[in-house]
Amino acid sequence: MLVTFLLLLLVAVVLGIIGAAADGLGYLLAFGVVLFVADVAFAAVASRRVPRRPVR
């Protein structure tokens, strides 16, 4: 789960950097932002589903 989160976060950052740096590729920046928001939402939902074990 954590690997998926970090991989999607890395892809979002790379797409955002490429979209901001390259002329005419603003859609990559927008796609990176959307992917980042979806990744954070996925992590929030997934963390609610994980049962918490009581401390012994």
N, C-alpha and C. Protein backbone atom coordinates (compact mmCIF):
# COMPACT_ATOMS: atom_id res chain seq x y z
N MET A 1 0.83 -1.18 0.00
CA MET A 1 0.00 0.00 0.00
C MET A 1 0.87 1.24 0.00
N LEU A 2 1.90 1.23 0.84
CA LEU A 2 2.78 2.38 0.92
C LEU A 2 3.60 2.54 -0.36
N VAL A 3 3.98 1.41 -0.95
CA VAL A 3 4.75 1.47 -2.19
C VAL A 3 3.91 2.09 -3.31
N THR A 4 2.64 1.72 -3.38
CA THR A 4 1.74 2.30 -4.38
C THR A 4 1.59 3.80 -4.18
N PHE A 5 1.42 4.20 -2.94
CA PHE A 5 1.28 5.63 -2.63
C PHE A 5 2.53 6.40 -3.06
N LEU A 6 3.69 5.89 -2.69
CA LEU A 6 4.93 6.60 -3.01
C LEU A 6 5.21 6.61 -4.51
N LEU A 7 4.89 5.52 -5.20
CA LEU A 7 5.10 5.48 -6.64
C LEU A 7 4.20 6.48 -7.35
N LEU A 8 2.92 6.53 -6.98
CA LEU A 8 2.01 7.50 -7.59
C LEU A 8 2.40 8.93 -7.24
N LEU A 9 2.90 9.14 -6.04
CA LEU A 9 3.37 10.47 -5.66
C LEU A 9 4.57 10.88 -6.50
N LEU A 10 5.49 9.97 -6.73
CA LEU A 10 6.66 10.25 -7.55
C LEU A 10 6.26 10.57 -8.99
N VAL A 11 5.33 9.80 -9.53
CA VAL A 11 4.87 10.04 -10.91
C VAL A 11 4.19 11.41 -11.00
N ALA A 12 3.39 11.76 -10.00
CA ALA A 12 2.71 13.06 -10.01
C ALA A 12 3.71 14.21 -9.97
N VAL A 13 4.75 14.07 -9.16
CA VAL A 13 5.76 15.14 -9.07
C VAL A 13 6.54 15.26 -10.38
N VAL A 14 6.92 14.14 -10.97
CA VAL A 14 7.67 14.17 -12.22
C VAL A 14 6.83 14.79 -13.34
N LEU A 15 5.56 14.39 -13.44
CA LEU A 15 4.69 14.98 -14.46
C LEU A 15 4.49 16.47 -14.22
N GLY A 16 4.37 16.86 -12.96
CA GLY A 16 4.23 18.27 -12.64
C GLY A 16 5.46 19.08 -13.03
N ILE A 17 6.63 18.54 -12.77
CA ILE A 17 7.87 19.25 -13.12
C ILE A 17 8.02 19.35 -14.63
N ILE A 18 7.77 18.26 -15.33
CA ILE A 18 7.87 18.29 -16.80
C ILE A 18 6.84 19.25 -17.39
N GLY A 19 5.62 19.22 -16.85
CA GLY A 19 4.58 20.11 -17.36
C GLY A 19 4.87 21.57 -17.11
N ALA A 20 5.52 21.86 -15.98
CA ALA A 20 5.83 23.26 -15.67
C ALA A 20 7.05 23.75 -16.46
N ALA A 21 8.00 22.86 -16.73
CA ALA A 21 9.25 23.27 -17.38
C ALA A 21 9.13 23.32 -18.90
N ALA A 22 8.41 22.38 -19.49
CA ALA A 22 8.34 22.31 -20.94
C ALA A 22 7.25 23.25 -21.48
N ASP A 23 7.59 23.93 -22.53
CA ASP A 23 6.65 24.87 -23.12
C ASP A 23 5.59 24.11 -23.92
N GLY A 24 4.33 24.39 -23.64
CA GLY A 24 3.23 23.76 -24.36
C GLY A 24 2.76 22.44 -23.77
N LEU A 25 3.31 22.05 -22.63
CA LEU A 25 2.90 20.80 -22.00
C LEU A 25 2.22 21.05 -20.67
N GLY A 26 1.39 22.06 -20.64
CA GLY A 26 0.67 22.41 -19.41
C GLY A 26 -0.32 21.34 -18.99
N TYR A 27 -0.75 20.53 -19.97
CA TYR A 27 -1.69 19.46 -19.62
C TYR A 27 -1.01 18.42 -18.73
N LEU A 28 0.30 18.26 -18.84
CA LEU A 28 1.00 17.34 -17.95
C LEU A 28 1.01 17.87 -16.52
N LEU A 29 1.13 19.17 -16.38
CA LEU A 29 1.06 19.78 -15.05
C LEU A 29 -0.33 19.55 -14.45
N ALA A 30 -1.37 19.76 -15.24
CA ALA A 30 -2.73 19.54 -14.75
C ALA A 30 -2.95 18.07 -14.40
N PHE A 31 -2.46 17.17 -15.22
CA PHE A 31 -2.60 15.75 -14.95
C PHE A 31 -1.83 15.35 -13.69
N GLY A 32 -0.66 15.95 -13.48
CA GLY A 32 0.11 15.69 -12.27
C GLY A 32 -0.62 16.14 -11.02
N VAL A 33 -1.28 17.30 -11.09
CA VAL A 33 -2.03 17.80 -9.94
C VAL A 33 -3.23 16.90 -9.65
N VAL A 34 -3.93 16.48 -10.70
CA VAL A 34 -5.08 15.59 -10.52
C VAL A 34 -4.63 14.25 -9.94
N LEU A 35 -3.51 13.73 -10.42
CA LEU A 35 -2.98 12.47 -9.90
C LEU A 35 -2.56 12.61 -8.45
N PHE A 36 -1.99 13.75 -8.07
CA PHE A 36 -1.60 14.00 -6.68
C PHE A 36 -2.82 14.02 -5.77
N VAL A 37 -3.87 14.70 -6.18
CA VAL A 37 -5.09 14.78 -5.38
C VAL A 37 -5.73 13.39 -5.24
N ALA A 38 -5.75 12.63 -6.33
CA ALA A 38 -6.31 11.28 -6.28
C ALA A 38 -5.46 10.38 -5.38
N ASP A 39 -4.16 10.56 -5.39
CA ASP A 39 -3.26 9.77 -4.56
C ASP A 39 -3.48 10.07 -3.07
N VAL A 40 -3.64 11.32 -2.73
CA VAL A 40 -3.90 11.68 -1.34
C VAL A 40 -5.26 11.16 -0.89
N ALA A 41 -6.25 11.23 -1.76
CA ALA A 41 -7.57 10.70 -1.42
C ALA A 41 -7.52 9.18 -1.25
N PHE A 42 -6.77 8.50 -2.10
CA PHE A 42 -6.61 7.05 -1.99
C PHE A 42 -5.94 6.68 -0.67
N ALA A 43 -4.93 7.42 -0.28
CA ALA A 43 -4.24 7.14 0.98
C ALA A 43 -5.15 7.40 2.18
N ALA A 44 -5.97 8.43 2.09
CA ALA A 44 -6.89 8.73 3.20
C ALA A 44 -7.93 7.63 3.35
N VAL A 45 -8.47 7.16 2.25
CA VAL A 45 -9.48 6.09 2.32
C VAL A 45 -8.85 4.78 2.77
N ALA A 46 -7.67 4.48 2.28
CA ALA A 46 -7.02 3.23 2.63
C ALA A 46 -6.58 3.22 4.09
N SER A 47 -6.21 4.36 4.63
CA SER A 47 -5.78 4.39 6.03
C SER A 47 -6.96 4.24 6.98
N ARG A 48 -8.16 4.58 6.54
CA ARG A 48 -9.35 4.38 7.38
C ARG A 48 -9.74 2.92 7.45
N ARG A 49 -9.43 2.15 6.38
CA ARG A 49 -9.81 0.75 6.34
C ARG A 49 -8.88 -0.15 7.16
N VAL A 50 -7.67 0.30 7.42
CA VAL A 50 -6.71 -0.52 8.15
C VAL A 50 -7.13 -0.59 9.61
N PRO A 51 -7.40 -1.79 10.11
CA PRO A 51 -7.81 -1.90 11.52
C PRO A 51 -6.65 -1.59 12.45
N ARG A 52 -6.94 -0.86 13.46
CA ARG A 52 -5.91 -0.50 14.43
C ARG A 52 -5.82 -1.59 15.49
N ARG A 53 -4.61 -2.05 15.74
CA ARG A 53 -4.42 -3.07 16.77
C ARG A 53 -4.19 -2.38 18.11
N PRO A 54 -4.81 -2.88 19.14
CA PRO A 54 -4.62 -2.24 20.46
C PRO A 54 -3.19 -2.47 20.97
N VAL A 55 -2.70 -1.50 21.68
CA VAL A 55 -1.36 -1.60 22.26
C VAL A 55 -1.43 -2.49 23.48
N ARG A 56 -0.50 -3.43 23.56
CA ARG A 56 -0.53 -4.39 24.68
C ARG A 56 0.32 -3.90 25.83
